Amino acid sequence: MYDHAEQDSDPAAALTASHAARTAAAIAACLASLAEEATEVGLASLAVFIGAAADFAQQEATQRARPAGQAFGRPSLVWSAPEPEQV
């Protein structure tokens, strides 16, 4: 299992953890899409199995993206318009 302590001590480990989190999230998205397709073509039992794998991959992505001891937060998507220049 991944040791979050490595992330604090080594910048390369933090980069690796970030890459692993993005990879796990991408895998989760692909598996979720595949599960949806399996459901649409009538392969419900296969869709359940694939959906469980997608959930596991998403959990792994969340764990890898969160530094030890910190809650997972949402990024701020608020954009502020620049102030007009004063003449």
PDB file of N, CA and C in Angstrom:
ATOM      1  N   MET A   1       0.847  -1.185   0.000  1.00  0.00           N
ATOM      2  CA  MET A   1       0.000   0.000   0.000  1.00  0.00           C
ATOM      3  C   MET A   1       0.885   1.238   0.000  1.00  0.00           C
ATOM      4  N   TYR A   2       0.366   2.320  -0.430  1.00  0.00           N
ATOM      5  CA  TYR A   2       1.114   3.569  -0.532  1.00  0.00           C
ATOM      6  C   TYR A   2       1.335   4.175   0.844  1.00  0.00           C
ATOM      7  N   ASP A   3       2.538   4.654   1.107  1.00  0.00           N
ATOM      8  CA  ASP A   3       2.869   5.299   2.376  1.00  0.00           C
ATOM      9  C   ASP A   3       2.840   6.807   2.171  1.00  0.00           C
ATOM     10  N   HIS A   4       1.862   7.480   2.795  1.00  0.00           N
ATOM     11  CA  HIS A   4       1.725   8.923   2.625  1.00  0.00           C
ATOM     12  C   HIS A   4       2.902   9.693   3.216  1.00  0.00           C
ATOM     13  N   ALA A   5       3.668   9.096   4.125  1.00  0.00           N
ATOM     14  CA  ALA A   5       4.811   9.786   4.716  1.00  0.00           C
ATOM     15  C   ALA A   5       5.860  10.096   3.655  1.00  0.00           C
ATOM     16  N   GLU A   6       5.960   9.255   2.640  1.00  0.00           N
ATOM     17  CA  GLU A   6       6.926   9.490   1.563  1.00  0.00           C
ATOM     18  C   GLU A   6       6.621  10.793   0.829  1.00  0.00           C
ATOM     19  N   GLN A   7       5.366  11.128   0.726  1.00  0.00           N
ATOM     20  CA  GLN A   7       4.962  12.314  -0.023  1.00  0.00           C
ATOM     21  C   GLN A   7       5.514  13.586   0.605  1.00  0.00           C
ATOM     22  N   ASP A   8       5.601  13.633   1.937  1.00  0.00           N
ATOM     23  CA  ASP A   8       6.088  14.821   2.619  1.00  0.00           C
ATOM     24  C   ASP A   8       7.601  14.952   2.555  1.00  0.00           C
ATOM     25  N   SER A   9       8.319  13.847   2.454  1.00  0.00           N
ATOM     26  CA  SER A   9       9.762  13.886   2.562  1.00  0.00           C
ATOM     27  C   SER A   9      10.477  14.048   1.223  1.00  0.00           C
ATOM     28  N   ASP A  10       9.825  13.752   0.132  1.00  0.00           N
ATOM     29  CA  ASP A  10      10.511  13.730  -1.150  1.00  0.00           C
ATOM     30  C   ASP A  10       9.620  14.341  -2.233  1.00  0.00           C
ATOM     31  N   PRO A  11      10.078  15.413  -2.894  1.00  0.00           N
ATOM     32  CA  PRO A  11       9.261  16.019  -3.955  1.00  0.00           C
ATOM     33  C   PRO A  11       8.946  15.042  -5.082  1.00  0.00           C
ATOM     34  N   ALA A  12       9.870  14.149  -5.386  1.00  0.00           N
ATOM     35  CA  ALA A  12       9.624  13.166  -6.443  1.00  0.00           C
ATOM     36  C   ALA A  12       8.501  12.220  -6.041  1.00  0.00           C
ATOM     37  N   ALA A  13       8.440  11.877  -4.761  1.00  0.00           N
ATOM     38  CA  ALA A  13       7.363  11.009  -4.276  1.00  0.00           C
ATOM     39  C   ALA A  13       6.022  11.715  -4.398  1.00  0.00           C
ATOM     40  N   ALA A  14       6.001  13.018  -4.134  1.00  0.00           N
ATOM     41  CA  ALA A  14       4.763  13.782  -4.267  1.00  0.00           C
ATOM     42  C   ALA A  14       4.310  13.804  -5.722  1.00  0.00           C
ATOM     43  N   LEU A  15       5.254  13.965  -6.642  1.00  0.00           N
ATOM     44  CA  LEU A  15       4.929  13.953  -8.058  1.00  0.00           C
ATOM     45  C   LEU A  15       4.407  12.583  -8.464  1.00  0.00           C
ATOM     46  N   THR A  16       5.055  11.536  -7.972  1.00  0.00           N
ATOM     47  CA  THR A  16       4.621  10.181  -8.270  1.00  0.00           C
ATOM     48  C   THR A  16       3.219   9.943  -7.722  1.00  0.00           C
ATOM     49  N   ALA A  17       2.952  10.414  -6.506  1.00  0.00           N
ATOM     50  CA  ALA A  17       1.627  10.250  -5.910  1.00  0.00           C
ATOM     51  C   ALA A  17       0.576  10.993  -6.725  1.00  0.00           C
ATOM     52  N   SER A  18       0.914  12.179  -7.188  1.00  0.00           N
ATOM     53  CA  SER A  18      -0.015  12.958  -7.999  1.00  0.00           C
ATOM     54  C   SER A  18      -0.313  12.238  -9.311  1.00  0.00           C
ATOM     55  N   HIS A  19       0.709  11.701  -9.938  1.00  0.00           N
ATOM     56  CA  HIS A  19       0.537  10.955 -11.181  1.00  0.00           C
ATOM     57  C   HIS A  19      -0.310   9.707 -10.938  1.00  0.00           C
ATOM     58  N   ALA A  20      -0.045   9.008  -9.846  1.00  0.00           N
ATOM     59  CA  ALA A  20      -0.814   7.807  -9.519  1.00  0.00           C
ATOM     60  C   ALA A  20      -2.278   8.149  -9.282  1.00  0.00           C
ATOM     61  N   ALA A  21      -2.529   9.274  -8.629  1.00  0.00           N
ATOM     62  CA  ALA A  21      -3.913   9.693  -8.373  1.00  0.00           C
ATOM     63  C   ALA A  21      -4.635  10.002  -9.678  1.00  0.00           C
ATOM     64  N   ARG A  22      -3.962  10.714 -10.578  1.00  0.00           N
ATOM     65  CA  ARG A  22      -4.580  11.036 -11.872  1.00  0.00           C
ATOM     66  C   ARG A  22      -4.823   9.770 -12.688  1.00  0.00           C
ATOM     67  N   THR A  23      -3.874   8.842 -12.644  1.00  0.00           N
ATOM     68  CA  THR A  23      -4.023   7.589 -13.374  1.00  0.00           C
ATOM     69  C   THR A  23      -5.189   6.780 -12.824  1.00  0.00           C
ATOM     70  N   ALA A  24      -5.277   6.679 -11.499  1.00  0.00           N
ATOM     71  CA  ALA A  24      -6.377   5.934 -10.878  1.00  0.00           C
ATOM     72  C   ALA A  24      -7.723   6.574 -11.200  1.00  0.00           C
ATOM     73  N   ALA A  25      -7.778   7.898 -11.224  1.00  0.00           N
ATOM     74  CA  ALA A  25      -9.028   8.588 -11.563  1.00  0.00           C
ATOM     75  C   ALA A  25      -9.425   8.322 -13.016  1.00  0.00           C
ATOM     76  N   ALA A  26      -8.444   8.301 -13.907  1.00  0.00           N
ATOM     77  CA  ALA A  26      -8.725   8.019 -15.315  1.00  0.00           C
ATOM     78  C   ALA A  26      -9.217   6.585 -15.492  1.00  0.00           C
ATOM     79  N   ILE A  27      -8.601   5.658 -14.783  1.00  0.00           N
ATOM     80  CA  ILE A  27      -9.033   4.259 -14.841  1.00  0.00           C
ATOM     81  C   ILE A  27     -10.459   4.134 -14.316  1.00  0.00           C
ATOM     82  N   ALA A  28     -10.756   4.827 -13.216  1.00  0.00           N
ATOM     83  CA  ALA A  28     -12.105   4.786 -12.643  1.00  0.00           C
ATOM     84  C   ALA A  28     -13.135   5.295 -13.646  1.00  0.00           C
ATOM     85  N   ALA A  29     -12.812   6.382 -14.335  1.00  0.00           N
ATOM     86  CA  ALA A  29     -13.739   6.939 -15.323  1.00  0.00           C
ATOM     87  C   ALA A  29     -13.965   5.969 -16.482  1.00  0.00           C
ATOM     88  N   CYS A  30     -12.901   5.334 -16.938  1.00  0.00           N
ATOM     89  CA  CYS A  30     -13.026   4.358 -18.030  1.00  0.00           C
ATOM     90  C   CYS A  30     -13.875   3.164 -17.606  1.00  0.00           C
ATOM     91  N   LEU A  31     -13.627   2.667 -16.393  1.00  0.00           N
ATOM     92  CA  LEU A  31     -14.392   1.524 -15.899  1.00  0.00           C
ATOM     93  C   LEU A  31     -15.867   1.881 -15.712  1.00  0.00           C
ATOM     94  N   ALA A  32     -16.142   3.079 -15.218  1.00  0.00           N
ATOM     95  CA  ALA A  32     -17.532   3.501 -15.040  1.00  0.00           C
ATOM     96  C   ALA A  32     -18.248   3.569 -16.390  1.00  0.00           C
ATOM     97  N   SER A  33     -17.555   4.074 -17.400  1.00  0.00           N
ATOM     98  CA  SER A  33     -18.131   4.141 -18.736  1.00  0.00           C
ATOM     99  C   SER A  33     -18.370   2.740 -19.294  1.00  0.00           C
ATOM    100  N   LEU A  34     -17.428   1.851 -19.079  1.00  0.00           N
ATOM    101  CA  LEU A  34     -17.563   0.472 -19.541  1.00  0.00           C
ATOM    102  C   LEU A  34     -18.732  -0.220 -18.841  1.00  0.00           C
ATOM    103  N   ALA A  35     -18.902   0.026 -17.542  1.00  0.00           N
ATOM    104  CA  ALA A  35     -20.022  -0.554 -16.802  1.00  0.00           C
ATOM    105  C   ALA A  35     -21.353  -0.056 -17.363  1.00  0.00           C
ATOM    106  N   GLU A  36     -21.405   1.214 -17.711  1.00  0.00           N
ATOM    107  CA  GLU A  36     -22.623   1.784 -18.296  1.00  0.00           C
ATOM    108  C   GLU A  36     -22.938   1.127 -19.634  1.00  0.00           C
ATOM    109  N   GLU A  37     -21.914   0.938 -20.447  1.00  0.00           N
ATOM    110  CA  GLU A  37     -22.106   0.284 -21.742  1.00  0.00           C
ATOM    111  C   GLU A  37     -22.569  -1.158 -21.561  1.00  0.00           C
ATOM    112  N   ALA A  38     -21.996  -1.863 -20.594  1.00  0.00           N
ATOM    113  CA  ALA A  38     -22.389  -3.251 -20.340  1.00  0.00           C
ATOM    114  C   ALA A  38     -23.852  -3.329 -19.921  1.00  0.00           C
ATOM    115  N   THR A  39     -24.298  -2.376 -19.123  1.00  0.00           N
ATOM    116  CA  THR A  39     -25.701  -2.339 -18.703  1.00  0.00           C
ATOM    117  C   THR A  39     -26.611  -2.121 -19.906  1.00  0.00           C
ATOM    118  N   GLU A  40     -26.217  -1.223 -20.793  1.00  0.00           N
ATOM    119  CA  GLU A  40     -27.041  -0.900 -21.963  1.00  0.00           C
ATOM    120  C   GLU A  40     -27.204  -2.078 -22.912  1.00  0.00           C
ATOM    121  N   VAL A  41     -26.207  -2.959 -22.984  1.00  0.00           N
ATOM    122  CA  VAL A  41     -26.302  -4.101 -23.899  1.00  0.00           C
ATOM    123  C   VAL A  41     -26.808  -5.357 -23.197  1.00  0.00           C
ATOM    124  N   GLY A  42     -27.247  -5.220 -21.948  1.00  0.00           N
ATOM    125  CA  GLY A  42     -27.867  -6.342 -21.258  1.00  0.00           C
ATOM    126  C   GLY A  42     -26.930  -7.236 -20.475  1.00  0.00           C
ATOM    127  N   LEU A  43     -25.753  -6.775 -20.171  1.00  0.00           N
ATOM    128  CA  LEU A  43     -24.795  -7.566 -19.391  1.00  0.00           C
ATOM    129  C   LEU A  43     -24.728  -7.028 -17.965  1.00  0.00           C
ATOM    130  N   ALA A  44     -25.860  -7.091 -17.280  1.00  0.00           N
ATOM    131  CA  ALA A  44     -25.971  -6.483 -15.949  1.00  0.00           C
ATOM    132  C   ALA A  44     -24.997  -7.085 -14.944  1.00  0.00           C
ATOM    133  N   SER A  45     -24.812  -8.401 -14.955  1.00  0.00           N
ATOM    134  CA  SER A  45     -23.907  -9.013 -13.971  1.00  0.00           C
ATOM    135  C   SER A  45     -22.468  -8.568 -14.211  1.00  0.00           C
ATOM    136  N   LEU A  46     -22.089  -8.426 -15.455  1.00  0.00           N
ATOM    137  CA  LEU A  46     -20.751  -7.922 -15.772  1.00  0.00           C
ATOM    138  C   LEU A  46     -20.639  -6.451 -15.385  1.00  0.00           C
ATOM    139  N   ALA A  47     -21.699  -5.702 -15.596  1.00  0.00           N
ATOM    140  CA  ALA A  47     -21.708  -4.282 -15.240  1.00  0.00           C
ATOM    141  C   ALA A  47     -21.516  -4.082 -13.746  1.00  0.00           C
ATOM    142  N   VAL A  48     -22.097  -4.949 -12.926  1.00  0.00           N
ATOM    143  CA  VAL A  48     -21.930  -4.850 -11.473  1.00  0.00           C
ATOM    144  C   VAL A  48     -20.468  -5.064 -11.100  1.00  0.00           C
ATOM    145  N   PHE A  49     -19.840  -6.058 -11.695  1.00  0.00           N
ATOM    146  CA  PHE A  49     -18.428  -6.339 -11.419  1.00  0.00           C
ATOM    147  C   PHE A  49     -17.544  -5.167 -11.854  1.00  0.00           C
ATOM    148  N   ILE A  50     -17.781  -4.652 -13.037  1.00  0.00           N
ATOM    149  CA  ILE A  50     -16.991  -3.527 -13.540  1.00  0.00           C
ATOM    150  C   ILE A  50     -17.246  -2.281 -12.696  1.00  0.00           C
ATOM    151  N   GLY A  51     -18.493  -2.073 -12.291  1.00  0.00           N
ATOM    152  CA  GLY A  51     -18.825  -0.934 -11.437  1.00  0.00           C
ATOM    153  C   GLY A  51     -18.101  -0.994 -10.105  1.00  0.00           C
ATOM    154  N   ALA A  52     -17.981  -2.192  -9.535  1.00  0.00           N
ATOM    155  CA  ALA A  52     -17.243  -2.350  -8.278  1.00  0.00           C
ATOM    156  C   ALA A  52     -15.768  -2.015  -8.476  1.00  0.00           C
ATOM    157  N   ALA A  53     -15.212  -2.423  -9.609  1.00  0.00           N
ATOM    158  CA  ALA A  53     -13.815  -2.092  -9.908  1.00  0.00           C
ATOM    159  C   ALA A  53     -13.651  -0.581 -10.082  1.00  0.00           C
ATOM    160  N   ALA A  54     -14.626   0.062 -10.697  1.00  0.00           N
ATOM    161  CA  ALA A  54     -14.580   1.520 -10.866  1.00  0.00           C
ATOM    162  C   ALA A  54     -14.627   2.220  -9.517  1.00  0.00           C
ATOM    163  N   ASP A  55     -15.478   1.738  -8.620  1.00  0.00           N
ATOM    164  CA  ASP A  55     -15.556   2.320  -7.273  1.00  0.00           C
ATOM    165  C   ASP A  55     -14.229   2.174  -6.537  1.00  0.00           C
ATOM    166  N   PHE A  56     -13.618   1.000  -6.655  1.00  0.00           N
ATOM    167  CA  PHE A  56     -12.325   0.774  -6.005  1.00  0.00           C
ATOM    168  C   PHE A  56     -11.267   1.719  -6.572  1.00  0.00           C
ATOM    169  N   ALA A  57     -11.233   1.875  -7.882  1.00  0.00           N
ATOM    170  CA  ALA A  57     -10.255   2.770  -8.507  1.00  0.00           C
ATOM    171  C   ALA A  57     -10.479   4.212  -8.068  1.00  0.00           C
ATOM    172  N   GLN A  58     -11.744   4.613  -7.925  1.00  0.00           N
ATOM    173  CA  GLN A  58     -12.034   5.976  -7.476  1.00  0.00           C
ATOM    174  C   GLN A  58     -11.589   6.181  -6.030  1.00  0.00           C
ATOM    175  N   GLN A  59     -11.795   5.186  -5.181  1.00  0.00           N
ATOM    176  CA  GLN A  59     -11.327   5.272  -3.792  1.00  0.00           C
ATOM    177  C   GLN A  59      -9.809   5.386  -3.747  1.00  0.00           C
ATOM    178  N   GLU A  60      -9.141   4.623  -4.574  1.00  0.00           N
ATOM    179  CA  GLU A  60      -7.681   4.667  -4.633  1.00  0.00           C
ATOM    180  C   GLU A  60      -7.214   6.043  -5.103  1.00  0.00           C
ATOM    181  N   ALA A  61      -7.886   6.604  -6.088  1.00  0.00           N
ATOM    182  CA  ALA A  61      -7.527   7.939  -6.578  1.00  0.00           C
ATOM    183  C   ALA A  61      -7.691   8.975  -5.481  1.00  0.00           C
ATOM    184  N   THR A  62      -8.776   8.876  -4.720  1.00  0.00           N
ATOM    185  CA  THR A  62      -9.025   9.824  -3.636  1.00  0.00           C
ATOM    186  C   THR A  62      -7.961   9.708  -2.560  1.00  0.00           C
ATOM    187  N   GLN A  63      -7.596   8.492  -2.206  1.00  0.00           N
ATOM    188  CA  GLN A  63      -6.571   8.288  -1.177  1.00  0.00           C
ATOM    189  C   GLN A  63      -5.224   8.833  -1.627  1.00  0.00           C
ATOM    190  N   ARG A  64      -4.878   8.613  -2.867  1.00  0.00           N
ATOM    191  CA  ARG A  64      -3.572   9.057  -3.357  1.00  0.00           C
ATOM    192  C   ARG A  64      -3.516  10.565  -3.551  1.00  0.00           C
ATOM    193  N   ALA A  65      -4.648  11.179  -3.802  1.00  0.00           N
ATOM    194  CA  ALA A  65      -4.677  12.624  -4.028  1.00  0.00           C
ATOM    195  C   ALA A  65      -4.644  13.413  -2.730  1.00  0.00           C
ATOM    196  N   ARG A  66      -4.963  12.785  -1.618  1.00  0.00           N
ATOM    197  CA  ARG A  66      -5.077  13.488  -0.340  1.00  0.00           C
ATOM    198  C   ARG A  66      -3.814  13.275   0.486  1.00  0.00           C
ATOM    199  N   PRO A  67      -3.093  14.344   0.827  1.00  0.00           N
ATOM    200  CA  PRO A  67      -1.938  14.205   1.719  1.00  0.00           C
ATOM    201  C   PRO A  67      -2.379  13.692   3.085  1.00  0.00           C
ATOM    202  N   ALA A  68      -1.493  13.012   3.775  1.00  0.00           N
ATOM    203  CA  ALA A  68      -1.806  12.438   5.083  1.00  0.00           C
ATOM    204  C   ALA A  68      -2.297  13.513   6.042  1.00  0.00           C
ATOM    205  N   GLY A  69      -3.375  13.211   6.744  1.00  0.00           N
ATOM    206  CA  GLY A  69      -3.888  14.116   7.759  1.00  0.00           C
ATOM    207  C   GLY A  69      -4.695  15.283   7.235  1.00  0.00           C
ATOM    208  N   GLN A  70      -4.899  15.371   5.943  1.00  0.00           N
ATOM    209  CA  GLN A  70      -5.663  16.487   5.390  1.00  0.00           C
ATOM    210  C   GLN A  70      -6.949  15.969   4.759  1.00  0.00           C
ATOM    211  N   ALA A  71      -7.998  16.693   4.987  1.00  0.00           N
ATOM    212  CA  ALA A  71      -9.275  16.329   4.384  1.00  0.00           C
ATOM    213  C   ALA A  71      -9.244  16.655   2.896  1.00  0.00           C
ATOM    214  N   PHE A  72      -9.981  15.900   2.138  1.00  0.00           N
ATOM    215  CA  PHE A  72     -10.061  16.141   0.705  1.00  0.00           C
ATOM    216  C   PHE A  72     -11.033  17.285   0.471  1.00  0.00           C
ATOM    217  N   GLY A  73     -10.581  18.339  -0.173  1.00  0.00           N
ATOM    218  CA  GLY A  73     -11.436  19.501  -0.409  1.00  0.00           C
ATOM    219  C   GLY A  73     -11.653  19.726  -1.885  1.00  0.00           C
ATOM    220  N   ARG A  74     -12.686  20.486  -2.175  1.00  0.00           N
ATOM    221  CA  ARG A  74     -12.972  20.826  -3.560  1.00  0.00           C
ATOM    222  C   ARG A  74     -12.152  22.039  -3.966  1.00  0.00           C
ATOM    223  N   PRO A  75     -11.694  22.072  -5.188  1.00  0.00           N
ATOM    224  CA  PRO A  75     -10.986  23.267  -5.643  1.00  0.00           C
ATOM    225  C   PRO A  75     -11.966  24.422  -5.801  1.00  0.00           C
ATOM    226  N   SER A  76     -11.465  25.595  -5.631  1.00  0.00           N
ATOM    227  CA  SER A  76     -12.302  26.778  -5.791  1.00  0.00           C
ATOM    228  C   SER A  76     -12.436  27.079  -7.276  1.00  0.00           C
ATOM    229  N   LEU A  77     -13.657  27.158  -7.733  1.00  0.00           N
ATOM    230  CA  LEU A  77     -13.903  27.418  -9.147  1.00  0.00           C
ATOM    231  C   LEU A  77     -14.436  28.829  -9.376  1.00  0.00           C
ATOM    232  N   VAL A  78     -14.278  29.672  -8.378  1.00  0.00           N
ATOM    233  CA  VAL A  78     -14.770  31.044  -8.479  1.00  0.00           C
ATOM    234  C   VAL A  78     -13.739  31.886  -9.218  1.00  0.00           C
ATOM    235  N   TRP A  79     -14.192  32.605 -10.226  1.00  0.00           N
ATOM    236  CA  TRP A  79     -13.297  33.461 -10.993  1.00  0.00           C
ATOM    237  C   TRP A  79     -13.671  34.900 -10.710  1.00  0.00           C
ATOM    238  N   SER A  80     -12.694  35.703 -10.434  1.00  0.00           N
ATOM    239  CA  SER A  80     -12.931  37.123 -10.185  1.00  0.00           C
ATOM    240  C   SER A  80     -12.445  37.921 -11.383  1.00  0.00           C
ATOM    241  N   ALA A  81     -13.298  38.803 -11.842  1.00  0.00           N
ATOM    242  CA  ALA A  81     -12.923  39.651 -12.968  1.00  0.00           C
ATOM    243  C   ALA A  81     -11.861  40.642 -12.521  1.00  0.00           C
ATOM    244  N   PRO A  82     -10.915  40.939 -13.390  1.00  0.00           N
ATOM    245  CA  PRO A  82      -9.900  41.924 -13.025  1.00  0.00           C
ATOM    246  C   PRO A  82     -10.532  43.304 -12.847  1.00  0.00           C
ATOM    247  N   GLU A  83      -9.936  44.074 -11.982  1.00  0.00           N
ATOM    248  CA  GLU A  83     -10.421  45.436 -11.743  1.00  0.00           C
ATOM    249  C   GLU A  83     -10.148  46.291 -12.977  1.00  0.00           C
ATOM    250  N   PRO A  84     -11.107  47.137 -13.357  1.00  0.00           N
ATOM    251  CA  PRO A  84     -10.842  48.020 -14.500  1.00  0.00           C
ATOM    252  C   PRO A  84      -9.738  49.015 -14.138  1.00  0.00           C
ATOM    253  N   GLU A  85      -8.950  49.319 -15.102  1.00  0.00           N
ATOM    254  CA  GLU A  85      -7.857  50.263 -14.848  1.00  0.00           C
ATOM    255  C   GLU A  85      -8.413  51.661 -14.640  1.00  0.00           C
ATOM    256  N   GLN A  86      -7.834  52.350 -13.688  1.00  0.00           N
ATOM    257  CA  GLN A  86      -8.271  53.719 -13.419  1.00  0.00           C
ATOM    258  C   GLN A  86      -7.512  54.673 -14.331  1.00  0.00           C
ATOM    259  N   VAL A  87      -8.232  55.611 -14.888  1.00  0.00           N
ATOM    260  CA  VAL A  87      -7.623  56.561 -15.823  1.00  0.00           C
ATOM    261  C   VAL A  87      -7.259  57.829 -15.114  1.00  0.00           C
TER     262      VAL A  87
END
